[in-house]
């Protein structure tokens, strides 16, 4: 997933004043340019139905540097293995 967010005025953030009247038009334009560029890139990337082709998956990052993914059905096994490794390390 992608998160596009901006906080133009922190005292308005998540209050009734966080509305269209107080929206910074420059920030909205900036987000529009980012979304348009991303959409164009995805349209020309050659992806064809990636979600259906691979099934459910889990995505995460490692150290904010790499993105990794694995089939969702592996998650319980991976969590159990990680928990066992952590329990073993605590006992050392």
PDB file of N, CA and C in Angstrom:
ATOM      1  N   UNK A   1       0.796  -1.169   0.000  1.00  0.00           N
ATOM      2  CA  UNK A   1       0.000   0.000   0.000  1.00  0.00           C
ATOM      3  C   UNK A   1       0.856   1.257   0.000  1.00  0.00           C
ATOM      4  N   UNK A   2       0.260   2.306  -0.419  1.00  0.00           N
ATOM      5  CA  UNK A   2       0.916   3.606  -0.479  1.00  0.00           C
ATOM      6  C   UNK A   2       0.110   4.568   0.392  1.00  0.00           C
ATOM      7  N   UNK A   3       0.797   5.372   1.147  1.00  0.00           N
ATOM      8  CA  UNK A   3       0.134   6.355   1.998  1.00  0.00           C
ATOM      9  C   UNK A   3       0.529   7.750   1.530  1.00  0.00           C
ATOM     10  N   UNK A   4      -0.455   8.525   1.121  1.00  0.00           N
ATOM     11  CA  UNK A   4      -0.232   9.921   0.775  1.00  0.00           C
ATOM     12  C   UNK A   4      -0.878  10.763   1.862  1.00  0.00           C
ATOM     13  N   UNK A   5      -0.085  11.453   2.641  1.00  0.00           N
ATOM     14  CA  UNK A   5      -0.625  12.276   3.718  1.00  0.00           C
ATOM     15  C   UNK A   5       0.223  13.533   3.868  1.00  0.00           C
ATOM     16  N   UNK A   6      -0.401  14.583   4.314  1.00  0.00           N
ATOM     17  CA  UNK A   6       0.341  15.800   4.633  1.00  0.00           C
ATOM     18  C   UNK A   6      -0.373  16.515   5.768  1.00  0.00           C
ATOM     19  N   UNK A   7       0.399  17.231   6.531  1.00  0.00           N
ATOM     20  CA  UNK A   7      -0.155  18.000   7.648  1.00  0.00           C
ATOM     21  C   UNK A   7       0.260  19.446   7.425  1.00  0.00           C
ATOM     22  N   UNK A   8      -0.625  20.215   6.827  1.00  0.00           N
ATOM     23  CA  UNK A   8      -0.303  21.609   6.550  1.00  0.00           C
ATOM     24  C   UNK A   8      -0.304  22.469   7.802  1.00  0.00           C
ATOM     25  N   UNK A   9      -1.234  22.217   8.683  1.00  0.00           N
ATOM     26  CA  UNK A   9      -1.345  22.991   9.911  1.00  0.00           C
ATOM     27  C   UNK A   9      -1.655  22.015  11.045  1.00  0.00           C
ATOM     28  N   UNK A  10      -0.673  21.679  11.869  1.00  0.00           N
ATOM     29  CA  UNK A  10      -0.885  20.653  12.904  1.00  0.00           C
ATOM     30  C   UNK A  10      -2.060  20.928  13.842  1.00  0.00           C
ATOM     31  N   UNK A  11      -2.394  22.197  14.078  1.00  0.00           N
ATOM     32  CA  UNK A  11      -3.513  22.464  14.986  1.00  0.00           C
ATOM     33  C   UNK A  11      -4.862  22.141  14.343  1.00  0.00           C
ATOM     34  N   UNK A  12      -4.906  21.969  13.015  1.00  0.00           N
ATOM     35  CA  UNK A  12      -6.129  21.571  12.324  1.00  0.00           C
ATOM     36  C   UNK A  12      -6.225  20.061  12.158  1.00  0.00           C
ATOM     37  N   UNK A  13      -5.118  19.360  12.275  1.00  0.00           N
ATOM     38  CA  UNK A  13      -5.057  17.936  11.955  1.00  0.00           C
ATOM     39  C   UNK A  13      -5.996  17.126  12.848  1.00  0.00           C
ATOM     40  N   UNK A  14      -6.888  16.365  12.209  1.00  0.00           N
ATOM     41  CA  UNK A  14      -7.875  15.511  12.875  1.00  0.00           C
ATOM     42  C   UNK A  14      -8.801  16.296  13.805  1.00  0.00           C
ATOM     43  N   UNK A  15      -9.166  17.483  13.388  1.00  0.00           N
ATOM     44  CA  UNK A  15     -10.146  18.287  14.112  1.00  0.00           C
ATOM     45  C   UNK A  15     -11.218  18.716  13.111  1.00  0.00           C
ATOM     46  N   UNK A  16     -12.301  19.343  13.562  1.00  0.00           N
ATOM     47  CA  UNK A  16     -13.292  19.853  12.614  1.00  0.00           C
ATOM     48  C   UNK A  16     -12.710  20.885  11.635  1.00  0.00           C
ATOM     49  N   UNK A  17     -11.583  21.500  11.991  1.00  0.00           N
ATOM     50  CA  UNK A  17     -10.952  22.471  11.086  1.00  0.00           C
ATOM     51  C   UNK A  17     -10.163  21.800   9.963  1.00  0.00           C
ATOM     52  N   UNK A  18     -10.025  20.484  10.019  1.00  0.00           N
ATOM     53  CA  UNK A  18      -9.329  19.723   8.981  1.00  0.00           C
ATOM     54  C   UNK A  18     -10.328  19.472   7.854  1.00  0.00           C
ATOM     55  N   UNK A  19     -10.539  20.511   7.016  1.00  0.00           N
ATOM     56  CA  UNK A  19     -11.565  20.452   5.978  1.00  0.00           C
ATOM     57  C   UNK A  19     -11.048  21.090   4.691  1.00  0.00           C
ATOM     58  N   UNK A  20     -11.888  21.100   3.665  1.00  0.00           N
ATOM     59  CA  UNK A  20     -11.483  21.634   2.363  1.00  0.00           C
ATOM     60  C   UNK A  20     -11.153  23.120   2.408  1.00  0.00           C
ATOM     61  N   UNK A  21     -11.819  23.864   3.267  1.00  0.00           N
ATOM     62  CA  UNK A  21     -11.547  25.305   3.349  1.00  0.00           C
ATOM     63  C   UNK A  21     -10.121  25.585   3.818  1.00  0.00           C
ATOM     64  N   UNK A  22      -9.582  24.716   4.648  1.00  0.00           N
ATOM     65  CA  UNK A  22      -8.238  24.915   5.189  1.00  0.00           C
ATOM     66  C   UNK A  22      -7.179  24.081   4.467  1.00  0.00           C
ATOM     67  N   UNK A  23      -7.550  23.484   3.346  1.00  0.00           N
ATOM     68  CA  UNK A  23      -6.629  22.652   2.580  1.00  0.00           C
ATOM     69  C   UNK A  23      -5.644  23.514   1.802  1.00  0.00           C
ATOM     70  N   UNK A  24      -4.381  23.182   1.879  1.00  0.00           N
ATOM     71  CA  UNK A  24      -3.352  23.888   1.110  1.00  0.00           C
ATOM     72  C   UNK A  24      -3.394  23.363  -0.329  1.00  0.00           C
ATOM     73  N   UNK A  25      -3.795  24.206  -1.266  1.00  0.00           N
ATOM     74  CA  UNK A  25      -3.934  23.800  -2.660  1.00  0.00           C
ATOM     75  C   UNK A  25      -2.608  23.334  -3.264  1.00  0.00           C
ATOM     76  N   UNK A  26      -1.489  23.896  -2.799  1.00  0.00           N
ATOM     77  CA  UNK A  26      -0.178  23.466  -3.311  1.00  0.00           C
ATOM     78  C   UNK A  26       0.113  22.026  -2.916  1.00  0.00           C
ATOM     79  N   UNK A  27      -0.252  21.657  -1.695  1.00  0.00           N
ATOM     80  CA  UNK A  27      -0.047  20.276  -1.247  1.00  0.00           C
ATOM     81  C   UNK A  27      -0.928  19.319  -2.042  1.00  0.00           C
ATOM     82  N   UNK A  28      -2.167  19.720  -2.301  1.00  0.00           N
ATOM     83  CA  UNK A  28      -3.069  18.898  -3.094  1.00  0.00           C
ATOM     84  C   UNK A  28      -2.516  18.709  -4.507  1.00  0.00           C
ATOM     85  N   UNK A  29      -1.983  19.759  -5.107  1.00  0.00           N
ATOM     86  CA  UNK A  29      -1.376  19.670  -6.432  1.00  0.00           C
ATOM     87  C   UNK A  29      -0.181  18.721  -6.406  1.00  0.00           C
ATOM     88  N   UNK A  30       0.635  18.815  -5.373  1.00  0.00           N
ATOM     89  CA  UNK A  30       1.813  17.952  -5.237  1.00  0.00           C
ATOM     90  C   UNK A  30       1.393  16.479  -5.168  1.00  0.00           C
ATOM     91  N   UNK A  31       0.360  16.181  -4.376  1.00  0.00           N
ATOM     92  CA  UNK A  31      -0.129  14.805  -4.285  1.00  0.00           C
ATOM     93  C   UNK A  31      -0.684  14.343  -5.627  1.00  0.00           C
ATOM     94  N   UNK A  32      -1.399  15.206  -6.315  1.00  0.00           N
ATOM     95  CA  UNK A  32      -1.928  14.853  -7.627  1.00  0.00           C
ATOM     96  C   UNK A  32      -0.827  14.506  -8.608  1.00  0.00           C
ATOM     97  N   UNK A  33       0.253  15.267  -8.602  1.00  0.00           N
ATOM     98  CA  UNK A  33       1.382  14.972  -9.487  1.00  0.00           C
ATOM     99  C   UNK A  33       2.022  13.633  -9.131  1.00  0.00           C
ATOM    100  N   UNK A  34       2.160  13.355  -7.830  1.00  0.00           N
ATOM    101  CA  UNK A  34       2.739  12.078  -7.407  1.00  0.00           C
ATOM    102  C   UNK A  34       1.873  10.893  -7.826  1.00  0.00           C
ATOM    103  N   UNK A  35       0.561  11.011  -7.631  1.00  0.00           N
ATOM    104  CA  UNK A  35      -0.347   9.926  -7.991  1.00  0.00           C
ATOM    105  C   UNK A  35      -0.367   9.728  -9.502  1.00  0.00           C
ATOM    106  N   UNK A  36      -0.366  10.806 -10.268  1.00  0.00           N
ATOM    107  CA  UNK A  36      -0.362  10.700 -11.721  1.00  0.00           C
ATOM    108  C   UNK A  36       0.906  10.005 -12.208  1.00  0.00           C
ATOM    109  N   UNK A  37       2.054  10.393 -11.661  1.00  0.00           N
ATOM    110  CA  UNK A  37       3.312   9.750 -12.047  1.00  0.00           C
ATOM    111  C   UNK A  37       3.330   8.274 -11.695  1.00  0.00           C
ATOM    112  N   UNK A  38       2.834   7.939 -10.512  1.00  0.00           N
ATOM    113  CA  UNK A  38       2.791   6.541 -10.091  1.00  0.00           C
ATOM    114  C   UNK A  38       1.837   5.744 -10.983  1.00  0.00           C
ATOM    115  N   UNK A  39       0.688   6.315 -11.308  1.00  0.00           N
ATOM    116  CA  UNK A  39      -0.281   5.632 -12.162  1.00  0.00           C
ATOM    117  C   UNK A  39       0.292   5.382 -13.545  1.00  0.00           C
ATOM    118  N   UNK A  40       0.952   6.368 -14.107  1.00  0.00           N
ATOM    119  CA  UNK A  40       1.563   6.190 -15.433  1.00  0.00           C
ATOM    120  C   UNK A  40       2.617   5.089 -15.405  1.00  0.00           C
ATOM    121  N   UNK A  41       3.424   5.067 -14.365  1.00  0.00           N
ATOM    122  CA  UNK A  41       4.455   4.037 -14.248  1.00  0.00           C
ATOM    123  C   UNK A  41       3.831   2.647 -14.150  1.00  0.00           C
ATOM    124  N   UNK A  42       2.784   2.509 -13.350  1.00  0.00           N
ATOM    125  CA  UNK A  42       2.123   1.210 -13.213  1.00  0.00           C
ATOM    126  C   UNK A  42       1.472   0.769 -14.524  1.00  0.00           C
ATOM    127  N   UNK A  43       0.900   1.712 -15.267  1.00  0.00           N
ATOM    128  CA  UNK A  43       0.275   1.363 -16.539  1.00  0.00           C
ATOM    129  C   UNK A  43       1.283   0.840 -17.551  1.00  0.00           C
ATOM    130  N   UNK A  44       2.517   1.298 -17.474  1.00  0.00           N
ATOM    131  CA  UNK A  44       3.544   0.894 -18.431  1.00  0.00           C
ATOM    132  C   UNK A  44       4.482  -0.175 -17.885  1.00  0.00           C
ATOM    133  N   UNK A  45       4.178  -0.721 -16.718  1.00  0.00           N
ATOM    134  CA  UNK A  45       5.091  -1.674 -16.094  1.00  0.00           C
ATOM    135  C   UNK A  45       4.891  -3.110 -16.570  1.00  0.00           C
ATOM    136  N   UNK A  46       3.808  -3.393 -17.270  1.00  0.00           N
ATOM    137  CA  UNK A  46       3.577  -4.741 -17.765  1.00  0.00           C
ATOM    138  C   UNK A  46       2.947  -5.678 -16.743  1.00  0.00           C
ATOM    139  N   UNK A  47       2.503  -5.163 -15.614  1.00  0.00           N
ATOM    140  CA  UNK A  47       1.845  -6.020 -14.621  1.00  0.00           C
ATOM    141  C   UNK A  47       0.491  -6.452 -15.155  1.00  0.00           C
ATOM    142  N   UNK A  48       0.194  -7.716 -14.990  1.00  0.00           N
ATOM    143  CA  UNK A  48      -1.122  -8.216 -15.367  1.00  0.00           C
ATOM    144  C   UNK A  48      -1.688  -9.017 -14.211  1.00  0.00           C
ATOM    145  N   UNK A  49      -2.691  -8.495 -13.564  1.00  0.00           N
ATOM    146  CA  UNK A  49      -3.388  -9.150 -12.470  1.00  0.00           C
ATOM    147  C   UNK A  49      -2.435  -9.761 -11.443  1.00  0.00           C
ATOM    148  N   UNK A  50      -1.538  -9.001 -10.842  1.00  0.00           N
ATOM    149  CA  UNK A  50      -0.579  -9.600  -9.902  1.00  0.00           C
ATOM    150  C   UNK A  50      -1.234 -10.219  -8.672  1.00  0.00           C
ATOM    151  N   UNK A  51      -2.324  -9.643  -8.167  1.00  0.00           N
ATOM    152  CA  UNK A  51      -2.946 -10.176  -6.952  1.00  0.00           C
ATOM    153  C   UNK A  51      -3.589 -11.538  -7.217  1.00  0.00           C
ATOM    154  N   UNK A  52      -4.323 -11.672  -8.312  1.00  0.00           N
ATOM    155  CA  UNK A  52      -4.976 -12.941  -8.617  1.00  0.00           C
ATOM    156  C   UNK A  52      -3.960 -14.005  -9.008  1.00  0.00           C
ATOM    157  N   UNK A  53      -2.910 -13.591  -9.675  1.00  0.00           N
ATOM    158  CA  UNK A  53      -1.927 -14.551 -10.169  1.00  0.00           C
ATOM    159  C   UNK A  53      -1.159 -15.215  -9.035  1.00  0.00           C
ATOM    160  N   UNK A  54      -0.945 -14.520  -7.944  1.00  0.00           N
ATOM    161  CA  UNK A  54      -0.107 -15.046  -6.873  1.00  0.00           C
ATOM    162  C   UNK A  54      -0.878 -15.383  -5.601  1.00  0.00           C
ATOM    163  N   UNK A  55      -2.115 -15.000  -5.489  1.00  0.00           N
ATOM    164  CA  UNK A  55      -2.864 -15.248  -4.262  1.00  0.00           C
ATOM    165  C   UNK A  55      -2.526 -14.231  -3.187  1.00  0.00           C
ATOM    166  N   UNK A  56      -3.014 -14.480  -1.981  1.00  0.00           N
ATOM    167  CA  UNK A  56      -2.773 -13.565  -0.869  1.00  0.00           C
ATOM    168  C   UNK A  56      -1.310 -13.598  -0.461  1.00  0.00           C
ATOM    169  N   UNK A  57      -0.801 -12.432  -0.104  1.00  0.00           N
ATOM    170  CA  UNK A  57       0.605 -12.329   0.284  1.00  0.00           C
ATOM    171  C   UNK A  57       0.755 -11.335   1.424  1.00  0.00           C
ATOM    172  N   UNK A  58       1.875 -11.442   2.105  1.00  0.00           N
ATOM    173  CA  UNK A  58       2.238 -10.519   3.178  1.00  0.00           C
ATOM    174  C   UNK A  58       3.463  -9.751   2.711  1.00  0.00           C
ATOM    175  N   UNK A  59       3.432  -8.436   2.861  1.00  0.00           N
ATOM    176  CA  UNK A  59       4.548  -7.583   2.473  1.00  0.00           C
ATOM    177  C   UNK A  59       5.044  -6.830   3.696  1.00  0.00           C
ATOM    178  N   UNK A  60       6.341  -6.665   3.802  1.00  0.00           N
ATOM    179  CA  UNK A  60       6.927  -5.855   4.864  1.00  0.00           C
ATOM    180  C   UNK A  60       8.288  -5.362   4.397  1.00  0.00           C
ATOM    181  N   UNK A  61       8.882  -4.493   5.183  1.00  0.00           N
ATOM    182  CA  UNK A  61      10.213  -4.015   4.832  1.00  0.00           C
ATOM    183  C   UNK A  61      11.219  -4.498   5.865  1.00  0.00           C
ATOM    184  N   UNK A  62      12.466  -4.559   5.451  1.00  0.00           N
ATOM    185  CA  UNK A  62      13.570  -4.879   6.348  1.00  0.00           C
ATOM    186  C   UNK A  62      14.430  -3.642   6.493  1.00  0.00           C
ATOM    187  N   UNK A  63      14.465  -3.106   7.687  1.00  0.00           N
ATOM    188  CA  UNK A  63      15.321  -1.969   8.012  1.00  0.00           C
ATOM    189  C   UNK A  63      15.076  -0.763   7.111  1.00  0.00           C
ATOM    190  N   UNK A  64      13.856  -0.600   6.621  1.00  0.00           N
ATOM    191  CA  UNK A  64      13.475   0.504   5.735  1.00  0.00           C
ATOM    192  C   UNK A  64      14.341   0.552   4.485  1.00  0.00           C
ATOM    193  N   UNK A  65      14.856  -0.598   4.085  1.00  0.00           N
ATOM    194  CA  UNK A  65      15.749  -0.650   2.935  1.00  0.00           C
ATOM    195  C   UNK A  65      15.262  -1.608   1.849  1.00  0.00           C
ATOM    196  N   UNK A  66      14.740  -2.764   2.251  1.00  0.00           N
ATOM    197  CA  UNK A  66      14.280  -3.767   1.299  1.00  0.00           C
ATOM    198  C   UNK A  66      12.833  -4.125   1.587  1.00  0.00           C
ATOM    199  N   UNK A  67      12.107  -4.448   0.548  1.00  0.00           N
ATOM    200  CA  UNK A  67      10.741  -4.936   0.711  1.00  0.00           C
ATOM    201  C   UNK A  67      10.761  -6.434   0.440  1.00  0.00           C
ATOM    202  N   UNK A  68      10.171  -7.191   1.354  1.00  0.00           N
ATOM    203  CA  UNK A  68      10.091  -8.634   1.175  1.00  0.00           C
ATOM    204  C   UNK A  68       8.627  -9.050   1.183  1.00  0.00           C
ATOM    205  N   UNK A  69       8.347 -10.189   0.574  1.00  0.00           N
ATOM    206  CA  UNK A  69       6.982 -10.707   0.518  1.00  0.00           C
ATOM    207  C   UNK A  69       7.033 -12.226   0.589  1.00  0.00           C
ATOM    208  N   UNK A  70       5.950 -12.810   1.112  1.00  0.00           N
ATOM    209  CA  UNK A  70       5.831 -14.257   1.144  1.00  0.00           C
ATOM    210  C   UNK A  70       4.352 -14.610   1.081  1.00  0.00           C
ATOM    211  N   UNK A  71       4.033 -15.848   0.697  1.00  0.00           N
ATOM    212  CA  UNK A  71       2.628 -16.262   0.664  1.00  0.00           C
ATOM    213  C   UNK A  71       2.008 -16.173   2.060  1.00  0.00           C
ATOM    214  N   UNK A  72       0.795 -15.716   2.143  1.00  0.00           N
ATOM    215  CA  UNK A  72       0.131 -15.525   3.434  1.00  0.00           C
ATOM    216  C   UNK A  72       0.045 -16.826   4.225  1.00  0.00           C
ATOM    217  N   UNK A  73      -0.055 -17.951   3.545  1.00  0.00           N
ATOM    218  CA  UNK A  73      -0.181 -19.229   4.259  1.00  0.00           C
ATOM    219  C   UNK A  73       1.084 -19.589   5.038  1.00  0.00           C
ATOM    220  N   UNK A  74       2.224 -18.947   4.733  1.00  0.00           N
ATOM    221  CA  UNK A  74       3.470 -19.206   5.473  1.00  0.00           C
ATOM    222  C   UNK A  74       3.513 -18.465   6.804  1.00  0.00           C
ATOM    223  N   UNK A  75       2.685 -17.462   6.982  1.00  0.00           N
ATOM    224  CA  UNK A  75       2.795 -16.572   8.143  1.00  0.00           C
ATOM    225  C   UNK A  75       2.709 -17.289   9.492  1.00  0.00           C
ATOM    226  N   UNK A  76       1.759 -18.190   9.723  1.00  0.00           N
ATOM    227  CA  UNK A  76       1.743 -18.863  11.033  1.00  0.00           C
ATOM    228  C   UNK A  76       3.033 -19.631  11.315  1.00  0.00           C
ATOM    229  N   UNK A  77       3.582 -20.297  10.306  1.00  0.00           N
ATOM    230  CA  UNK A  77       4.826 -21.046  10.491  1.00  0.00           C
ATOM    231  C   UNK A  77       5.993 -20.106  10.771  1.00  0.00           C
ATOM    232  N   UNK A  78       6.048 -19.015  10.048  1.00  0.00           N
ATOM    233  CA  UNK A  78       7.133 -18.054  10.263  1.00  0.00           C
ATOM    234  C   UNK A  78       7.034 -17.425  11.648  1.00  0.00           C
ATOM    235  N   UNK A  79       5.823 -17.091  12.074  1.00  0.00           N
ATOM    236  CA  UNK A  79       5.636 -16.498  13.399  1.00  0.00           C
ATOM    237  C   UNK A  79       6.026 -17.492  14.487  1.00  0.00           C
ATOM    238  N   UNK A  80       5.633 -18.749  14.324  1.00  0.00           N
ATOM    239  CA  UNK A  80       5.998 -19.772  15.298  1.00  0.00           C
ATOM    240  C   UNK A  80       7.498 -19.985  15.377  1.00  0.00           C
ATOM    241  N   UNK A  81       8.158 -20.008  14.223  1.00  0.00           N
ATOM    242  CA  UNK A  81       9.613 -20.171  14.189  1.00  0.00           C
ATOM    243  C   UNK A  81      10.302 -18.986  14.846  1.00  0.00           C
ATOM    244  N   UNK A  82       9.842 -17.790  14.557  1.00  0.00           N
ATOM    245  CA  UNK A  82      10.423 -16.592  15.164  1.00  0.00           C
ATOM    246  C   UNK A  82      10.220 -16.587  16.677  1.00  0.00           C
ATOM    247  N   UNK A  83       9.030 -16.968  17.116  1.00  0.00           N
ATOM    248  CA  UNK A  83       8.756 -17.026  18.551  1.00  0.00           C
ATOM    249  C   UNK A  83       9.664 -18.050  19.232  1.00  0.00           C
ATOM    250  N   UNK A  84       9.832 -19.226  18.619  1.00  0.00           N
ATOM    251  CA  UNK A  84      10.702 -20.260  19.192  1.00  0.00           C
ATOM    252  C   UNK A  84      12.149 -19.774  19.264  1.00  0.00           C
ATOM    253  N   UNK A  85      12.615 -19.100  18.213  1.00  0.00           N
ATOM    254  CA  UNK A  85      13.988 -18.576  18.211  1.00  0.00           C
ATOM    255  C   UNK A  85      14.169 -17.528  19.303  1.00  0.00           C
ATOM    256  N   UNK A  86      13.185 -16.659  19.474  1.00  0.00           N
ATOM    257  CA  UNK A  86      13.283 -15.638  20.520  1.00  0.00           C
ATOM    258  C   UNK A  86      13.264 -16.278  21.907  1.00  0.00           C
ATOM    259  N   UNK A  87      12.420 -17.284  22.102  1.00  0.00           N
ATOM    260  CA  UNK A  87      12.367 -17.976  23.395  1.00  0.00           C
ATOM    261  C   UNK A  87      13.694 -18.661  23.682  1.00  0.00           C
ATOM    262  N   UNK A  88      14.296 -19.260  22.669  1.00  0.00           N
ATOM    263  CA  UNK A  88      15.594 -19.910  22.832  1.00  0.00           C
ATOM    264  C   UNK A  88      16.659 -18.887  23.219  1.00  0.00           C
ATOM    265  N   UNK A  89      16.660 -17.729  22.557  1.00  0.00           N
ATOM    266  CA  UNK A  89      17.657 -16.687  22.852  1.00  0.00           C
ATOM    267  C   UNK A  89      17.494 -16.139  24.271  1.00  0.00           C
ATOM    268  N   UNK A  90      16.279 -16.035  24.751  1.00  0.00           N
ATOM    269  CA  UNK A  90      16.036 -15.530  26.101  1.00  0.00           C
ATOM    270  C   UNK A  90      16.584 -16.513  27.134  1.00  0.00           C
ATOM    271  N   UNK A  91      16.516 -17.795  26.848  1.00  0.00           N
ATOM    272  CA  UNK A  91      16.991 -18.815  27.783  1.00  0.00           C
ATOM    273  C   UNK A  91      18.511 -18.870  27.829  1.00  0.00           C
ATOM    274  N   UNK A  92      19.205 -18.351  26.829  1.00  0.00           N
ATOM    275  CA  UNK A  92      20.681 -18.388  26.826  1.00  0.00           C
ATOM    276  C   UNK A  92      21.204 -17.460  27.824  1.00  0.00           C
TER     277      UNK A  92
END
